[in-house]
Amino acid sequence: MTDAVLSQQHDLYRRIVALGEEVTDALDHTNAVSTLGDMELTRASAAIGDRVIPKSASAALESLAASMERVIDDGDPHRAIDWIGMHPRLVLTLLAAVLNPASLPKDPVPTGAGSAIPARIPAGVSFSDAPRDGRAVVYAGIQADPILRPLAVAIANASPAERLVARGVMNDPGPSAAEAAALFAALPSHRNTSDPIVVGALAIGGKAQASNAQYRGAVVEAVTAELLRRRPTLAIDGDRLVRRERRFAVDGTSADPHPFDVTVEAGPTPELWDCKWGARGIDASLLAELEDARIRAAGSGVRVAIGVVAFDTAAVVAARLGIVHAPREKTRMITLETLGRLAAG
């Protein structure tokens, strides 16, 4: 029985890798991530051996298999690429949650009240709203959707395992409440379908394909802003100091091709954050843009912090960075497992 369950997952994985390989200009990423995933699934089978998989884990893996089948039936190779990185980690997480919950990663989020008053933005640095073009107007409407704030709060408060499961539900082309419940039931917290993280994930997953991608991006930005506002130094005035879709200028000049997703507009070190749903969104142009902003500020004697928040696992982000060649020594990387660090500063 154990062999059959894990063999089914491995077979589905090979099928979804084949679908993702249809995107020929992403083959380097697909190959790097699928090699990692194949190794993870092989190790999982070896580690489980002849042990009986408990009923809760079996039910969760059945729901995961149903999600994979929908992704394959949907025929979207780009969504498949995202699942190539996520699926093996979900299998391992669901098994660990039932068989060895103490092994699950933890990411405590600071909850202290704010008291300190942030310093002013250094002279020569300024921020401004992005132009209100058609894209910005549409995206602002998505950002204002009332589903996002409670979901962002729930994700910020969640464990890494819960975030990963929520990510899977949000990236399922047709998630069902029963299957989502089976996935969350395998975790120690046993979230039910009325919990905000489950309700929100199902709502995002149920969006049509085009809007689903936009909503997923908005989720990452909302979570990033939520956690940044929790810093003790920002909490008193977080809504004013943590902003979205802002341009950054040094001595009145902005060379950035697009606004930064989330900014911390306080001193002594302002921050520029770019948010990505998956590691594949981290490319050389993004890293170069962040580094250029940092260098321009440094040229005026100002220090700014730069970073990427990837709503993806650390392993997949590391695999991605192994094939992206661009300066990133000063760029902070935040992943699903380390979102809490945003609140810590």
C-alpha atoms as a PDB file:
ATOM      1  CA  MET A   1       0.000   0.000   0.000  1.00  0.00           C
ATOM      2  CA  THR A   2       2.784   2.422   0.911  1.00  0.00           C
ATOM      3  CA  ASP A   3       4.640   1.668  -2.317  1.00  0.00           C
ATOM      4  CA  ALA A   4       1.472   2.228  -4.339  1.00  0.00           C
ATOM      5  CA  VAL A   5       0.725   5.596  -2.729  1.00  0.00           C
ATOM      6  CA  LEU A   6       4.211   6.992  -3.214  1.00  0.00           C
ATOM      7  CA  SER A   7       4.568   5.432  -6.676  1.00  0.00           C
ATOM      8  CA  GLN A   8       1.401   7.253  -7.720  1.00  0.00           C
ATOM      9  CA  GLN A   9       2.882  10.553  -6.515  1.00  0.00           C
ATOM     10  CA  HIS A  10       6.116   9.888  -8.391  1.00  0.00           C
ATOM     11  CA  ASP A  11       4.251   8.993 -11.591  1.00  0.00           C
ATOM     12  CA  LEU A  12       2.202  12.175 -11.375  1.00  0.00           C
ATOM     13  CA  TYR A  13       5.387  14.118 -10.815  1.00  0.00           C
ATOM     14  CA  ARG A  14       6.970  12.741 -13.988  1.00  0.00           C
ATOM     15  CA  ARG A  15       3.841  13.679 -15.943  1.00  0.00           C
ATOM     16  CA  ILE A  16       3.831  17.220 -14.633  1.00  0.00           C
ATOM     17  CA  VAL A  17       7.549  17.576 -15.384  1.00  0.00           C
ATOM     18  CA  ALA A  18       6.833  16.523 -18.978  1.00  0.00           C
ATOM     19  CA  LEU A  19       4.149  19.216 -19.194  1.00  0.00           C
ATOM     20  CA  GLY A  20       6.465  21.875 -17.779  1.00  0.00           C
ATOM     21  CA  GLU A  21       9.191  20.950 -20.264  1.00  0.00           C
ATOM     22  CA  GLU A  22       6.978  22.306 -23.047  1.00  0.00           C
ATOM     23  CA  VAL A  23       8.189  25.785 -22.063  1.00  0.00           C
ATOM     24  CA  THR A  24      11.528  25.533 -23.829  1.00  0.00           C
ATOM     25  CA  ASP A  25      12.872  28.885 -22.656  1.00  0.00           C
ATOM     26  CA  ALA A  26      12.489  27.736 -19.050  1.00  0.00           C
ATOM     27  CA  LEU A  27      14.191  24.362 -19.440  1.00  0.00           C
ATOM     28  CA  ASP A  28      17.191  25.327 -17.330  1.00  0.00           C
ATOM     29  CA  HIS A  29      14.892  26.147 -14.426  1.00  0.00           C
ATOM     30  CA  THR A  30      12.674  23.097 -14.990  1.00  0.00           C
ATOM     31  CA  ASN A  31      15.660  20.768 -15.159  1.00  0.00           C
ATOM     32  CA  ALA A  32      17.261  22.169 -11.998  1.00  0.00           C
ATOM     33  CA  VAL A  33      14.072  22.033  -9.962  1.00  0.00           C
ATOM     34  CA  SER A  34      12.828  18.681 -11.289  1.00  0.00           C
ATOM     35  CA  THR A  35      16.180  17.037 -10.520  1.00  0.00           C
ATOM     36  CA  LEU A  36      15.859  18.274  -6.945  1.00  0.00           C
ATOM     37  CA  GLY A  37      12.235  17.126  -6.739  1.00  0.00           C
ATOM     38  CA  ASP A  38      12.936  13.677  -8.105  1.00  0.00           C
ATOM     39  CA  MET A  39      15.655  13.202  -5.489  1.00  0.00           C
ATOM     40  CA  GLU A  40      13.283  14.339  -2.722  1.00  0.00           C
ATOM     41  CA  LEU A  41      10.565  11.875  -3.767  1.00  0.00           C
ATOM     42  CA  THR A  42      13.103   9.050  -4.015  1.00  0.00           C
ATOM     43  CA  ARG A  43      14.396   9.841  -0.518  1.00  0.00           C
ATOM     44  CA  ALA A  44      10.833   9.940   0.795  1.00  0.00           C
ATOM     45  CA  SER A  45      10.138   6.445  -0.528  1.00  0.00           C
ATOM     46  CA  ALA A  46      13.356   5.133   0.969  1.00  0.00           C
ATOM     47  CA  ALA A  47      12.679   6.774   4.338  1.00  0.00           C
ATOM     48  CA  ILE A  48       9.113   5.464   4.585  1.00  0.00           C
ATOM     49  CA  GLY A  49      10.070   1.950   3.498  1.00  0.00           C
ATOM     50  CA  ASP A  50       7.458  -0.542   4.660  1.00  0.00           C
ATOM     51  CA  ARG A  51       5.870   1.732   7.264  1.00  0.00           C
ATOM     52  CA  VAL A  52       2.118   2.037   7.044  1.00  0.00           C
ATOM     53  CA  ILE A  53       0.995   5.520   6.030  1.00  0.00           C
ATOM     54  CA  PRO A  54      -1.673   6.696   8.508  1.00  0.00           C
ATOM     55  CA  LYS A  55      -5.147   7.395   7.209  1.00  0.00           C
ATOM     56  CA  SER A  56      -4.873  11.182   7.558  1.00  0.00           C
ATOM     57  CA  ALA A  57      -1.698  11.234   5.450  1.00  0.00           C
ATOM     58  CA  SER A  58      -3.225   8.913   2.850  1.00  0.00           C
ATOM     59  CA  ALA A  59      -6.281  11.162   2.562  1.00  0.00           C
ATOM     60  CA  ALA A  60      -4.068  14.234   2.194  1.00  0.00           C
ATOM     61  CA  LEU A  61      -1.955  12.546  -0.487  1.00  0.00           C
ATOM     62  CA  GLU A  62      -5.117  11.540  -2.355  1.00  0.00           C
ATOM     63  CA  SER A  63      -6.208  15.168  -2.357  1.00  0.00           C
ATOM     64  CA  LEU A  64      -2.745  16.202  -3.541  1.00  0.00           C
ATOM     65  CA  ALA A  65      -2.970  13.650  -6.356  1.00  0.00           C
ATOM     66  CA  ALA A  66      -6.347  15.098  -7.381  1.00  0.00           C
ATOM     67  CA  SER A  67      -4.784  18.569  -7.548  1.00  0.00           C
ATOM     68  CA  MET A  68      -1.968  17.260  -9.717  1.00  0.00           C
ATOM     69  CA  GLU A  69      -4.440  15.585 -12.070  1.00  0.00           C
ATOM     70  CA  ARG A  70      -6.302  18.882 -12.458  1.00  0.00           C
ATOM     71  CA  VAL A  71      -3.091  20.744 -13.224  1.00  0.00           C
ATOM     72  CA  ILE A  72      -2.226  18.173 -15.882  1.00  0.00           C
ATOM     73  CA  ASP A  73      -5.756  18.240 -17.331  1.00  0.00           C
ATOM     74  CA  ASP A  74      -5.641  22.044 -17.319  1.00  0.00           C
ATOM     75  CA  GLY A  75      -2.665  21.797 -19.685  1.00  0.00           C
ATOM     76  CA  ASP A  76      -0.946  24.999 -18.535  1.00  0.00           C
ATOM     77  CA  PRO A  77       2.815  24.325 -18.667  1.00  0.00           C
ATOM     78  CA  HIS A  78       3.611  27.479 -16.679  1.00  0.00           C
ATOM     79  CA  ARG A  79       1.427  26.405 -13.776  1.00  0.00           C
ATOM     80  CA  ALA A  80       3.028  22.963 -14.096  1.00  0.00           C
ATOM     81  CA  ILE A  81       6.497  24.476 -13.656  1.00  0.00           C
ATOM     82  CA  ASP A  82       5.365  25.991 -10.367  1.00  0.00           C
ATOM     83  CA  TRP A  83       4.076  22.596  -9.222  1.00  0.00           C
ATOM     84  CA  ILE A  84       7.347  20.897 -10.186  1.00  0.00           C
ATOM     85  CA  GLY A  85       9.008  22.729  -7.325  1.00  0.00           C
ATOM     86  CA  MET A  86       6.100  22.553  -4.906  1.00  0.00           C
ATOM     87  CA  HIS A  87       4.794  18.982  -5.219  1.00  0.00           C
ATOM     88  CA  PRO A  88       7.742  17.016  -3.736  1.00  0.00           C
ATOM     89  CA  ARG A  89       7.974  19.385  -0.784  1.00  0.00           C
ATOM     90  CA  LEU A  90       4.234  19.015  -0.181  1.00  0.00           C
ATOM     91  CA  VAL A  91       4.567  15.216  -0.179  1.00  0.00           C
ATOM     92  CA  LEU A  92       7.400  15.363   2.333  1.00  0.00           C
ATOM     93  CA  THR A  93       5.580  17.928   4.486  1.00  0.00           C
ATOM     94  CA  LEU A  94       2.355  15.924   4.648  1.00  0.00           C
ATOM     95  CA  LEU A  95       4.225  12.757   5.573  1.00  0.00           C
ATOM     96  CA  ALA A  96       6.342  14.526   8.197  1.00  0.00           C
ATOM     97  CA  ALA A  97       3.276  16.224   9.666  1.00  0.00           C
ATOM     98  CA  VAL A  98       1.716  12.857  10.457  1.00  0.00           C
ATOM     99  CA  LEU A  99       4.753  10.688  11.144  1.00  0.00           C
ATOM    100  CA  ASN A 100       7.112  13.170  12.804  1.00  0.00           C
ATOM    101  CA  PRO A 101       5.457  16.560  13.404  1.00  0.00           C
ATOM    102  CA  ALA A 102       8.356  17.754  15.550  1.00  0.00           C
ATOM    103  CA  SER A 103      10.504  17.810  12.412  1.00  0.00           C
ATOM    104  CA  LEU A 104       8.383  20.457  10.706  1.00  0.00           C
ATOM    105  CA  PRO A 105      10.119  23.842  10.354  1.00  0.00           C
ATOM    106  CA  LYS A 106       9.068  26.698  12.618  1.00  0.00           C
ATOM    107  CA  ASP A 107       9.049  30.405  11.859  1.00  0.00           C
ATOM    108  CA  PRO A 108       8.050  32.428  14.928  1.00  0.00           C
ATOM    109  CA  VAL A 109       6.708  35.898  14.152  1.00  0.00           C
ATOM    110  CA  PRO A 110       7.489  38.633  16.722  1.00  0.00           C
ATOM    111  CA  THR A 111       4.377  40.084  18.369  1.00  0.00           C
ATOM    112  CA  GLY A 112       5.815  42.918  20.457  1.00  0.00           C
ATOM    113  CA  ALA A 113       4.023  46.265  20.440  1.00  0.00           C
ATOM    114  CA  GLY A 114       5.701  49.188  18.731  1.00  0.00           C
ATOM    115  CA  SER A 115       7.166  52.035  20.707  1.00  0.00           C
ATOM    116  CA  ALA A 116      10.188  53.443  18.898  1.00  0.00           C
ATOM    117  CA  ILE A 117       9.787  56.299  16.416  1.00  0.00           C
ATOM    118  CA  PRO A 118      11.552  55.604  13.089  1.00  0.00           C
ATOM    119  CA  ALA A 119      14.088  58.093  11.820  1.00  0.00           C
ATOM    120  CA  ARG A 120      13.385  60.297   8.830  1.00  0.00           C
ATOM    121  CA  ILE A 121      14.245  59.134   5.337  1.00  0.00           C
ATOM    122  CA  PRO A 122      17.832  60.204   4.554  1.00  0.00           C
ATOM    123  CA  ALA A 123      18.234  63.382   2.536  1.00  0.00           C
ATOM    124  CA  GLY A 124      18.381  62.817  -1.201  1.00  0.00           C
ATOM    125  CA  VAL A 125      16.077  59.774  -1.125  1.00  0.00           C
ATOM    126  CA  SER A 126      12.400  60.042  -2.014  1.00  0.00           C
ATOM    127  CA  PHE A 127       9.423  57.847  -2.841  1.00  0.00           C
ATOM    128  CA  SER A 128       6.384  58.531  -5.007  1.00  0.00           C
ATOM    129  CA  ASP A 129       3.283  56.731  -6.199  1.00  0.00           C
ATOM    130  CA  ALA A 130       3.528  54.859  -9.483  1.00  0.00           C
ATOM    131  CA  PRO A 131       1.653  56.385 -12.456  1.00  0.00           C
ATOM    132  CA  ARG A 132      -2.030  55.431 -12.500  1.00  0.00           C
ATOM    133  CA  ASP A 133      -2.056  53.658 -15.843  1.00  0.00           C
ATOM    134  CA  GLY A 134      -4.619  51.005 -16.793  1.00  0.00           C
ATOM    135  CA  ARG A 135      -2.625  48.168 -15.255  1.00  0.00           C
ATOM    136  CA  ALA A 136      -2.221  50.035 -11.997  1.00  0.00           C
ATOM    137  CA  VAL A 137      -5.935  50.786 -11.772  1.00  0.00           C
ATOM    138  CA  VAL A 138      -6.885  47.138 -12.334  1.00  0.00           C
ATOM    139  CA  TYR A 139      -4.278  45.893  -9.884  1.00  0.00           C
ATOM    140  CA  ALA A 140      -5.334  48.423  -7.246  1.00  0.00           C
ATOM    141  CA  GLY A 141      -8.800  46.920  -7.417  1.00  0.00           C
ATOM    142  CA  ILE A 142      -7.353  43.469  -6.777  1.00  0.00           C
ATOM    143  CA  GLN A 143      -5.256  44.754  -3.882  1.00  0.00           C
ATOM    144  CA  ALA A 144      -8.383  46.262  -2.341  1.00  0.00           C
ATOM    145  CA  ASP A 145     -10.344  42.993  -2.496  1.00  0.00           C
ATOM    146  CA  PRO A 146     -11.562  42.297   1.082  1.00  0.00           C
ATOM    147  CA  ILE A 147     -10.426  38.660   0.848  1.00  0.00           C
ATOM    148  CA  LEU A 148      -6.743  39.677   0.865  1.00  0.00           C
ATOM    149  CA  ARG A 149      -6.276  41.276   4.280  1.00  0.00           C
ATOM    150  CA  PRO A 150      -7.625  38.401   6.423  1.00  0.00           C
ATOM    151  CA  LEU A 151      -5.745  35.923   4.240  1.00  0.00           C
ATOM    152  CA  ALA A 152      -2.510  37.919   4.606  1.00  0.00           C
ATOM    153  CA  VAL A 153      -2.923  38.020   8.381  1.00  0.00           C
ATOM    154  CA  ALA A 154      -3.622  34.274   8.478  1.00  0.00           C
ATOM    155  CA  ILE A 155      -0.575  33.456   6.348  1.00  0.00           C
ATOM    156  CA  ALA A 156       1.617  35.758   8.436  1.00  0.00           C
ATOM    157  CA  ASN A 157       0.491  33.904  11.568  1.00  0.00           C
ATOM    158  CA  ALA A 158       0.761  30.447   9.985  1.00  0.00           C
ATOM    159  CA  SER A 159       3.510  27.853  10.212  1.00  0.00           C
ATOM    160  CA  PRO A 160       5.678  27.146   7.144  1.00  0.00           C
ATOM    161  CA  ALA A 161       3.773  23.880   6.589  1.00  0.00           C
ATOM    162  CA  GLU A 162       0.430  25.704   6.608  1.00  0.00           C
ATOM    163  CA  ARG A 163       1.763  28.304   4.187  1.00  0.00           C
ATOM    164  CA  LEU A 164       2.931  25.590   1.805  1.00  0.00           C
ATOM    165  CA  VAL A 165      -0.419  23.809   1.860  1.00  0.00           C
ATOM    166  CA  ALA A 166      -2.231  27.120   1.334  1.00  0.00           C
ATOM    167  CA  ARG A 167       0.064  27.809  -1.604  1.00  0.00           C
ATOM    168  CA  GLY A 168      -0.905  24.478  -3.147  1.00  0.00           C
ATOM    169  CA  VAL A 169      -4.625  25.230  -2.770  1.00  0.00           C
ATOM    170  CA  MET A 170      -4.176  28.697  -4.287  1.00  0.00           C
ATOM    171  CA  ASN A 171      -2.343  27.227  -7.281  1.00  0.00           C
ATOM    172  CA  ASP A 172      -4.929  24.481  -7.917  1.00  0.00           C
ATOM    173  CA  PRO A 173      -7.096  25.261 -10.990  1.00  0.00           C
ATOM    174  CA  GLY A 174     -10.185  23.833  -9.280  1.00  0.00           C
ATOM    175  CA  PRO A 175      -9.710  23.293  -5.539  1.00  0.00           C
ATOM    176  CA  SER A 176     -12.530  21.761  -3.517  1.00  0.00           C
ATOM    177  CA  ALA A 177     -13.308  22.451   0.119  1.00  0.00           C
ATOM    178  CA  ALA A 178     -13.228  18.732   0.965  1.00  0.00           C
ATOM    179  CA  GLU A 179      -9.773  18.232  -0.558  1.00  0.00           C
ATOM    180  CA  ALA A 180      -8.403  21.380   1.076  1.00  0.00           C
ATOM    181  CA  ALA A 181      -9.778  20.148   4.397  1.00  0.00           C
ATOM    182  CA  ALA A 182      -7.993  16.807   3.932  1.00  0.00           C
ATOM    183  CA  LEU A 183      -4.692  18.582   3.266  1.00  0.00           C
ATOM    184  CA  PHE A 184      -4.946  20.843   6.312  1.00  0.00           C
ATOM    185  CA  ALA A 185      -6.240  17.996   8.499  1.00  0.00           C
ATOM    186  CA  ALA A 186      -2.887  16.241   8.144  1.00  0.00           C
ATOM    187  CA  LEU A 187      -1.102  19.170   9.810  1.00  0.00           C
ATOM    188  CA  PRO A 188      -0.796  19.511  13.601  1.00  0.00           C
ATOM    189  CA  SER A 189      -3.049  22.590  13.649  1.00  0.00           C
ATOM    190  CA  HIS A 190      -5.970  20.756  11.928  1.00  0.00           C
ATOM    191  CA  ARG A 191      -7.414  23.892  10.301  1.00  0.00           C
ATOM    192  CA  ASN A 192     -11.019  23.481   9.173  1.00  0.00           C
ATOM    193  CA  THR A 193     -12.816  24.993   6.190  1.00  0.00           C
ATOM    194  CA  SER A 194     -14.028  28.002   8.189  1.00  0.00           C
ATOM    195  CA  ASP A 195     -10.476  29.071   9.069  1.00  0.00           C
ATOM    196  CA  PRO A 196      -9.393  32.281   7.255  1.00  0.00           C
ATOM    197  CA  ILE A 197      -6.329  30.643   5.701  1.00  0.00           C
ATOM    198  CA  VAL A 198      -8.476  27.883   4.180  1.00  0.00           C
ATOM    199  CA  VAL A 199     -11.304  30.216   3.128  1.00  0.00           C
ATOM    200  CA  GLY A 200      -8.852  32.634   1.512  1.00  0.00           C
ATOM    201  CA  ALA A 201      -6.796  29.967  -0.234  1.00  0.00           C
ATOM    202  CA  LEU A 202      -9.936  28.419  -1.730  1.00  0.00           C
ATOM    203  CA  ALA A 203     -11.129  31.830  -2.907  1.00  0.00           C
ATOM    204  CA  ILE A 204      -7.851  32.555  -4.683  1.00  0.00           C
ATOM    205  CA  GLY A 205      -7.630  29.068  -6.177  1.00  0.00           C
ATOM    206  CA  GLY A 206     -11.153  29.419  -7.522  1.00  0.00           C
ATOM    207  CA  LYS A 207     -10.284  32.505  -9.599  1.00  0.00           C
ATOM    208  CA  ALA A 208     -10.120  32.275 -13.382  1.00  0.00           C
ATOM    209  CA  GLN A 209      -6.622  31.622 -14.714  1.00  0.00           C
ATOM    210  CA  ALA A 210      -5.707  35.202 -15.644  1.00  0.00           C
ATOM    211  CA  SER A 211      -6.944  36.792 -12.436  1.00  0.00           C
ATOM    212  CA  ASN A 212      -5.561  33.916 -10.359  1.00  0.00           C
ATOM    213  CA  ALA A 213      -2.014  34.926 -11.305  1.00  0.00           C
ATOM    214  CA  GLN A 214      -2.670  38.552 -10.363  1.00  0.00           C
ATOM    215  CA  TYR A 215      -4.283  37.586  -7.075  1.00  0.00           C
ATOM    216  CA  ARG A 216      -1.395  35.296  -6.171  1.00  0.00           C
ATOM    217  CA  GLY A 217       1.018  38.195  -6.631  1.00  0.00           C
ATOM    218  CA  ALA A 218      -1.207  40.431  -4.541  1.00  0.00           C
ATOM    219  CA  VAL A 219      -1.241  37.808  -1.767  1.00  0.00           C
ATOM    220  CA  VAL A 220       2.566  37.842  -1.523  1.00  0.00           C
ATOM    221  CA  GLU A 221       2.645  41.643  -1.401  1.00  0.00           C
ATOM    222  CA  ALA A 222      -0.114  41.769   1.225  1.00  0.00           C
ATOM    223  CA  VAL A 223       1.679  39.227   3.442  1.00  0.00           C
ATOM    224  CA  THR A 224       4.978  41.108   3.063  1.00  0.00           C
ATOM    225  CA  ALA A 225       3.367  44.422   4.023  1.00  0.00           C
ATOM    226  CA  GLU A 226       1.514  42.819   6.943  1.00  0.00           C
ATOM    227  CA  LEU A 227       4.713  41.409   8.438  1.00  0.00           C
ATOM    228  CA  LEU A 228       6.762  44.562   7.889  1.00  0.00           C
ATOM    229  CA  ARG A 229       4.106  46.618   9.689  1.00  0.00           C
ATOM    230  CA  ARG A 230       4.526  44.358  12.736  1.00  0.00           C
ATOM    231  CA  ARG A 231       8.058  45.547  13.455  1.00  0.00           C
ATOM    232  CA  PRO A 232       8.177  47.295  16.811  1.00  0.00           C
ATOM    233  CA  THR A 233       9.726  50.378  15.202  1.00  0.00           C
ATOM    234  CA  LEU A 234       7.007  50.595  12.538  1.00  0.00           C
ATOM    235  CA  ALA A 235       3.877  49.291  14.238  1.00  0.00           C
ATOM    236  CA  ILE A 236       2.640  52.676  15.494  1.00  0.00           C
ATOM    237  CA  ASP A 237       2.635  54.202  11.999  1.00  0.00           C
ATOM    238  CA  GLY A 238       2.927  51.125   9.793  1.00  0.00           C
ATOM    239  CA  ASP A 239       0.259  52.062   7.251  1.00  0.00           C
ATOM    240  CA  ARG A 240       2.120  55.248   6.400  1.00  0.00           C
ATOM    241  CA  LEU A 241       5.631  53.844   6.488  1.00  0.00           C
ATOM    242  CA  VAL A 242       5.041  50.539   4.674  1.00  0.00           C
ATOM    243  CA  ARG A 243       3.747  51.247   1.184  1.00  0.00           C
ATOM    244  CA  ARG A 244       2.912  49.394  -2.025  1.00  0.00           C
ATOM    245  CA  GLU A 245       3.731  50.086  -5.686  1.00  0.00           C
ATOM    246  CA  ARG A 246       6.136  52.973  -5.087  1.00  0.00           C
ATOM    247  CA  ARG A 247       8.919  54.438  -7.172  1.00  0.00           C
ATOM    248  CA  PHE A 248      12.282  55.116  -5.557  1.00  0.00           C
ATOM    249  CA  ALA A 249      14.409  58.135  -6.463  1.00  0.00           C
ATOM    250  CA  VAL A 250      17.861  59.393  -5.526  1.00  0.00           C
ATOM    251  CA  ASP A 251      18.400  63.158  -5.848  1.00  0.00           C
ATOM    252  CA  GLY A 252      15.102  63.391  -7.709  1.00  0.00           C
ATOM    253  CA  THR A 253      16.028  60.849 -10.373  1.00  0.00           C
ATOM    254  CA  SER A 254      14.410  57.419 -10.738  1.00  0.00           C
ATOM    255  CA  ALA A 255      15.972  54.904 -13.100  1.00  0.00           C
ATOM    256  CA  ASP A 256      13.739  51.987 -12.126  1.00  0.00           C
ATOM    257  CA  PRO A 257      11.662  50.504 -14.985  1.00  0.00           C
ATOM    258  CA  HIS A 258       8.774  49.660 -12.641  1.00  0.00           C
ATOM    259  CA  PRO A 259       7.736  50.463  -9.068  1.00  0.00           C
ATOM    260  CA  PHE A 260       8.905  48.333  -6.170  1.00  0.00           C
ATOM    261  CA  ASP A 261       6.233  46.052  -4.739  1.00  0.00           C
ATOM    262  CA  VAL A 262       6.632  46.990  -1.079  1.00  0.00           C
ATOM    263  CA  THR A 263       8.762  49.730   0.446  1.00  0.00           C
ATOM    264  CA  VAL A 264       9.705  50.718   3.993  1.00  0.00           C
ATOM    265  CA  GLU A 265       9.899  54.494   3.893  1.00  0.00           C
ATOM    266  CA  ALA A 266      11.686  55.141   7.150  1.00  0.00           C
ATOM    267  CA  GLY A 267      15.251  55.741   8.246  1.00  0.00           C
ATOM    268  CA  PRO A 268      17.946  55.249   8.884  1.00  0.00           C
ATOM    269  CA  THR A 269      17.819  52.548   6.167  1.00  0.00           C
ATOM    270  CA  PRO A 270      14.849  52.573   3.752  1.00  0.00           C
ATOM    271  CA  GLU A 271      13.973  49.215   2.203  1.00  0.00           C
ATOM    272  CA  LEU A 272      12.994  48.069  -1.288  1.00  0.00           C
ATOM    273  CA  TRP A 273      11.247  44.699  -1.624  1.00  0.00           C
ATOM    274  CA  ASP A 274      10.210  42.821  -4.717  1.00  0.00           C
ATOM    275  CA  CYS A 275       7.647  40.049  -4.215  1.00  0.00           C
ATOM    276  CA  LYS A 276       7.388  36.873  -6.290  1.00  0.00           C
ATOM    277  CA  TRP A 277       4.893  34.028  -6.110  1.00  0.00           C
ATOM    278  CA  GLY A 278       7.501  31.514  -7.276  1.00  0.00           C
ATOM    279  CA  ALA A 279      11.271  31.268  -7.495  1.00  0.00           C
ATOM    280  CA  ARG A 280      11.079  31.310 -11.284  1.00  0.00           C
ATOM    281  CA  GLY A 281      10.224  35.012 -11.055  1.00  0.00           C
ATOM    282  CA  ILE A 282      13.706  35.743  -9.719  1.00  0.00           C
ATOM    283  CA  ASP A 283      15.776  36.604 -12.778  1.00  0.00           C
ATOM    284  CA  ALA A 284      18.946  38.522 -13.591  1.00  0.00           C
ATOM    285  CA  SER A 285      17.088  41.721 -14.538  1.00  0.00           C
ATOM    286  CA  LEU A 286      15.266  41.825 -11.198  1.00  0.00           C
ATOM    287  CA  LEU A 287      18.456  41.301  -9.193  1.00  0.00           C
ATOM    288  CA  ALA A 288      20.266  43.889 -11.310  1.00  0.00           C
ATOM    289  CA  GLU A 289      17.470  46.422 -10.762  1.00  0.00           C
ATOM    290  CA  LEU A 290      17.623  46.002  -6.997  1.00  0.00           C
ATOM    291  CA  GLU A 291      21.400  46.221  -6.978  1.00  0.00           C
ATOM    292  CA  ASP A 292      21.329  49.317  -9.195  1.00  0.00           C
ATOM    293  CA  ALA A 293      18.997  51.087  -6.769  1.00  0.00           C
ATOM    294  CA  ARG A 294      21.308  50.221  -3.885  1.00  0.00           C
ATOM    295  CA  ILE A 295      24.393  51.448  -5.739  1.00  0.00           C
ATOM    296  CA  ARG A 296      22.719  54.713  -6.799  1.00  0.00           C
ATOM    297  CA  ALA A 297      21.808  55.426  -3.198  1.00  0.00           C
ATOM    298  CA  ALA A 298      25.298  54.523  -1.995  1.00  0.00           C
ATOM    299  CA  GLY A 299      26.710  56.988  -4.532  1.00  0.00           C
ATOM    300  CA  SER A 300      24.887  59.741  -2.639  1.00  0.00           C
ATOM    301  CA  GLY A 301      26.083  58.444   0.699  1.00  0.00           C
ATOM    302  CA  VAL A 302      22.775  56.756   1.564  1.00  0.00           C
ATOM    303  CA  ARG A 303      22.288  53.124   2.576  1.00  0.00           C
ATOM    304  CA  VAL A 304      19.162  51.285   1.431  1.00  0.00           C
ATOM    305  CA  ALA A 305      18.305  47.647   2.030  1.00  0.00           C
ATOM    306  CA  ILE A 306      17.108  45.495  -0.861  1.00  0.00           C
ATOM    307  CA  GLY A 307      15.400  42.118  -0.889  1.00  0.00           C
ATOM    308  CA  VAL A 308      13.155  39.581  -2.574  1.00  0.00           C
ATOM    309  CA  VAL A 309      10.234  37.840  -0.906  1.00  0.00           C
ATOM    310  CA  ALA A 310       9.613  34.560  -2.744  1.00  0.00           C
ATOM    311  CA  PHE A 311       6.462  32.712  -1.709  1.00  0.00           C
ATOM    312  CA  ASP A 312       8.294  29.477  -2.439  1.00  0.00           C
ATOM    313  CA  THR A 313      10.435  27.007  -0.555  1.00  0.00           C
ATOM    314  CA  ALA A 314      14.058  27.681   0.316  1.00  0.00           C
ATOM    315  CA  ALA A 315      15.185  24.607  -1.631  1.00  0.00           C
ATOM    316  CA  VAL A 316      13.548  25.784  -4.860  1.00  0.00           C
ATOM    317  CA  VAL A 317      14.836  29.329  -4.398  1.00  0.00           C
ATOM    318  CA  ALA A 318      18.365  27.952  -3.913  1.00  0.00           C
ATOM    319  CA  ALA A 319      18.022  25.855  -7.076  1.00  0.00           C
ATOM    320  CA  ARG A 320      16.853  28.924  -8.964  1.00  0.00           C
ATOM    321  CA  LEU A 321      19.715  31.085  -7.727  1.00  0.00           C
ATOM    322  CA  GLY A 322      22.124  28.388  -8.868  1.00  0.00           C
ATOM    323  CA  ILE A 323      21.270  29.184 -12.494  1.00  0.00           C
ATOM    324  CA  VAL A 324      20.671  32.948 -12.285  1.00  0.00           C
ATOM    325  CA  HIS A 325      23.863  34.907 -12.750  1.00  0.00           C
ATOM    326  CA  ALA A 326      23.631  38.418 -11.352  1.00  0.00           C
ATOM    327  CA  PRO A 327      25.050  40.326  -8.365  1.00  0.00           C
ATOM    328  CA  ARG A 328      23.029  39.447  -5.268  1.00  0.00           C
ATOM    329  CA  GLU A 329      25.467  39.528  -2.366  1.00  0.00           C
ATOM    330  CA  LYS A 330      23.580  42.448  -0.789  1.00  0.00           C
ATOM    331  CA  THR A 331      20.099  41.180  -1.683  1.00  0.00           C
ATOM    332  CA  ARG A 332      18.197  39.589   1.161  1.00  0.00           C
ATOM    333  CA  MET A 333      16.148  36.478   0.278  1.00  0.00           C
ATOM    334  CA  ILE A 334      12.988  35.630   2.208  1.00  0.00           C
ATOM    335  CA  THR A 335      11.160  32.335   1.568  1.00  0.00           C
ATOM    336  CA  LEU A 336       8.080  30.516   2.853  1.00  0.00           C
ATOM    337  CA  GLU A 337      10.094  29.183   5.780  1.00  0.00           C
ATOM    338  CA  THR A 338      11.471  32.588   6.833  1.00  0.00           C
ATOM    339  CA  LEU A 339       8.637  35.093   6.336  1.00  0.00           C
ATOM    340  CA  GLY A 340       8.718  35.878  10.051  1.00  0.00           C
ATOM    341  CA  ARG A 341      12.093  37.565   9.614  1.00  0.00           C
ATOM    342  CA  LEU A 342      10.323  40.456   7.899  1.00  0.00           C
ATOM    343  CA  ALA A 343       8.665  41.330  11.210  1.00  0.00           C
ATOM    344  CA  ALA A 344      11.903  40.953  13.122  1.00  0.00           C
ATOM    345  CA  GLY A 345      13.730  43.537  11.030  1.00  0.00           C
END
